[in-house]
Amino acid sequence: MTEAPASVIEAALEWCRQRDYDPGKDFRAVFVPKDHEFNLSDETRDLWHIFFYPEAMKKFATNFFVLVVDPHTLQVESHG
């Protein structure tokens, strides 16, 4: 697996900082090419999915959240 570029990780962390959210240090970055099933069928870009596993979420049914970052614009395209 390819390691996420530092600029992509920094964009995700900055998105969190702007919202006063501490994502913790435990994360996994997954490269999703534009033709991959995890990209929406109308998506024409390669994207990075950054999965964060903060301590604060361990009490919920889902213990992670994901940010989707465009590696060219360094914009967070979606979150959840």
C-alpha atoms as a PDB file:
ATOM      1  CA  MET A   1       0.000   0.000   0.000  1.00  0.00           C
ATOM      2  CA  THR A   2       1.249   3.467  -0.843  1.00  0.00           C
ATOM      3  CA  GLU A   3       1.841   5.801   2.075  1.00  0.00           C
ATOM      4  CA  ALA A   4      -0.300   8.926   2.038  1.00  0.00           C
ATOM      5  CA  PRO A   5       1.538  12.116   1.073  1.00  0.00           C
ATOM      6  CA  ALA A   6       2.266  14.338   4.059  1.00  0.00           C
ATOM      7  CA  SER A   7       0.240  17.123   2.409  1.00  0.00           C
ATOM      8  CA  VAL A   8      -2.889  14.931   2.376  1.00  0.00           C
ATOM      9  CA  ILE A   9      -2.512  14.023   6.045  1.00  0.00           C
ATOM     10  CA  GLU A  10      -1.876  17.668   6.934  1.00  0.00           C
ATOM     11  CA  ALA A  11      -5.021  18.745   5.029  1.00  0.00           C
ATOM     12  CA  ALA A  12      -7.083  16.229   7.020  1.00  0.00           C
ATOM     13  CA  LEU A  13      -5.543  17.321  10.321  1.00  0.00           C
ATOM     14  CA  GLU A  14      -6.067  20.994   9.495  1.00  0.00           C
ATOM     15  CA  TRP A  15      -9.756  20.293   8.745  1.00  0.00           C
ATOM     16  CA  CYS A  16     -10.016  18.777  12.244  1.00  0.00           C
ATOM     17  CA  ARG A  17      -8.170  21.678  13.887  1.00  0.00           C
ATOM     18  CA  GLN A  18     -10.465  24.231  12.259  1.00  0.00           C
ATOM     19  CA  ARG A  19     -13.382  22.447  13.921  1.00  0.00           C
ATOM     20  CA  ASP A  20     -11.663  22.169  17.321  1.00  0.00           C
ATOM     21  CA  TYR A  21     -11.620  18.393  17.042  1.00  0.00           C
ATOM     22  CA  ASP A  22      -8.707  16.248  18.183  1.00  0.00           C
ATOM     23  CA  PRO A  23      -8.536  13.190  15.908  1.00  0.00           C
ATOM     24  CA  GLY A  24      -5.754  11.578  17.914  1.00  0.00           C
ATOM     25  CA  LYS A  25      -2.681   9.969  16.417  1.00  0.00           C
ATOM     26  CA  ASP A  26      -4.186   6.659  15.334  1.00  0.00           C
ATOM     27  CA  PHE A  27      -5.198   6.755  11.667  1.00  0.00           C
ATOM     28  CA  ARG A  28      -5.010   4.798   8.443  1.00  0.00           C
ATOM     29  CA  ALA A  29      -4.871   6.308   4.961  1.00  0.00           C
ATOM     30  CA  VAL A  30      -6.224   4.413   1.964  1.00  0.00           C
ATOM     31  CA  PHE A  31      -5.722   5.493  -1.658  1.00  0.00           C
ATOM     32  CA  VAL A  32      -8.921   5.060  -3.689  1.00  0.00           C
ATOM     33  CA  PRO A  33      -8.496   5.387  -7.476  1.00  0.00           C
ATOM     34  CA  LYS A  34     -11.309   6.981  -9.468  1.00  0.00           C
ATOM     35  CA  ASP A  35     -12.501   3.655 -10.923  1.00  0.00           C
ATOM     36  CA  HIS A  36     -12.528   1.798  -7.576  1.00  0.00           C
ATOM     37  CA  GLU A  37     -15.830   0.560  -6.130  1.00  0.00           C
ATOM     38  CA  PHE A  38     -15.302   2.698  -2.982  1.00  0.00           C
ATOM     39  CA  ASN A  39     -15.419   5.852  -5.104  1.00  0.00           C
ATOM     40  CA  LEU A  40     -18.861   7.027  -6.143  1.00  0.00           C
ATOM     41  CA  SER A  41     -19.772   5.953  -9.674  1.00  0.00           C
ATOM     42  CA  ASP A  42     -19.749   9.566 -10.906  1.00  0.00           C
ATOM     43  CA  GLU A  43     -16.403  10.377  -9.251  1.00  0.00           C
ATOM     44  CA  THR A  44     -13.666  11.182 -11.758  1.00  0.00           C
ATOM     45  CA  ARG A  45     -10.844  11.795  -9.272  1.00  0.00           C
ATOM     46  CA  ASP A  46      -8.421   9.711  -7.262  1.00  0.00           C
ATOM     47  CA  LEU A  47      -9.083  10.336  -3.567  1.00  0.00           C
ATOM     48  CA  TRP A  48      -7.558   9.471  -0.206  1.00  0.00           C
ATOM     49  CA  HIS A  49      -9.735   8.134   2.604  1.00  0.00           C
ATOM     50  CA  ILE A  50      -8.234   8.948   6.004  1.00  0.00           C
ATOM     51  CA  PHE A  51      -9.690   6.800   8.795  1.00  0.00           C
ATOM     52  CA  PHE A  52      -9.187   8.219  12.305  1.00  0.00           C
ATOM     53  CA  TYR A  53      -9.684   6.115  15.453  1.00  0.00           C
ATOM     54  CA  PRO A  54      -9.817   8.639  18.316  1.00  0.00           C
ATOM     55  CA  GLU A  55     -10.159   7.512  21.920  1.00  0.00           C
ATOM     56  CA  ALA A  56     -13.287   9.653  22.310  1.00  0.00           C
ATOM     57  CA  MET A  57     -15.219   7.511  19.816  1.00  0.00           C
ATOM     58  CA  LYS A  58     -14.555   4.139  21.456  1.00  0.00           C
ATOM     59  CA  LYS A  59     -17.778   4.421  23.469  1.00  0.00           C
ATOM     60  CA  PHE A  60     -19.909   4.604  20.297  1.00  0.00           C
ATOM     61  CA  ALA A  61     -21.022   1.818  17.969  1.00  0.00           C
ATOM     62  CA  THR A  62     -18.599   3.118  15.335  1.00  0.00           C
ATOM     63  CA  ASN A  63     -15.110   3.770  16.652  1.00  0.00           C
ATOM     64  CA  PHE A  64     -13.754   5.703  13.681  1.00  0.00           C
ATOM     65  CA  PHE A  65     -14.539   8.544  11.327  1.00  0.00           C
ATOM     66  CA  VAL A  66     -13.299   9.102   7.802  1.00  0.00           C
ATOM     67  CA  LEU A  67     -12.287  12.185   5.847  1.00  0.00           C
ATOM     68  CA  VAL A  68     -12.004  12.033   2.058  1.00  0.00           C
ATOM     69  CA  VAL A  69      -9.251  14.271   0.685  1.00  0.00           C
ATOM     70  CA  ASP A  70      -8.576  15.245  -2.936  1.00  0.00           C
ATOM     71  CA  PRO A  71      -4.781  14.950  -3.343  1.00  0.00           C
ATOM     72  CA  HIS A  72      -4.668  17.684  -5.995  1.00  0.00           C
ATOM     73  CA  THR A  73      -6.711  20.419  -4.321  1.00  0.00           C
ATOM     74  CA  LEU A  74      -6.002  19.196  -0.741  1.00  0.00           C
ATOM     75  CA  GLN A  75      -9.661  19.856   0.081  1.00  0.00           C
ATOM     76  CA  VAL A  76     -11.725  17.598   2.319  1.00  0.00           C
ATOM     77  CA  GLU A  77     -14.483  16.409   0.000  1.00  0.00           C
ATOM     78  CA  SER A  78     -16.587  14.527   2.512  1.00  0.00           C
ATOM     79  CA  HIS A  79     -16.605  13.319   6.083  1.00  0.00           C
ATOM     80  CA  GLY A  80     -18.508  10.921   8.208  1.00  0.00           C
END
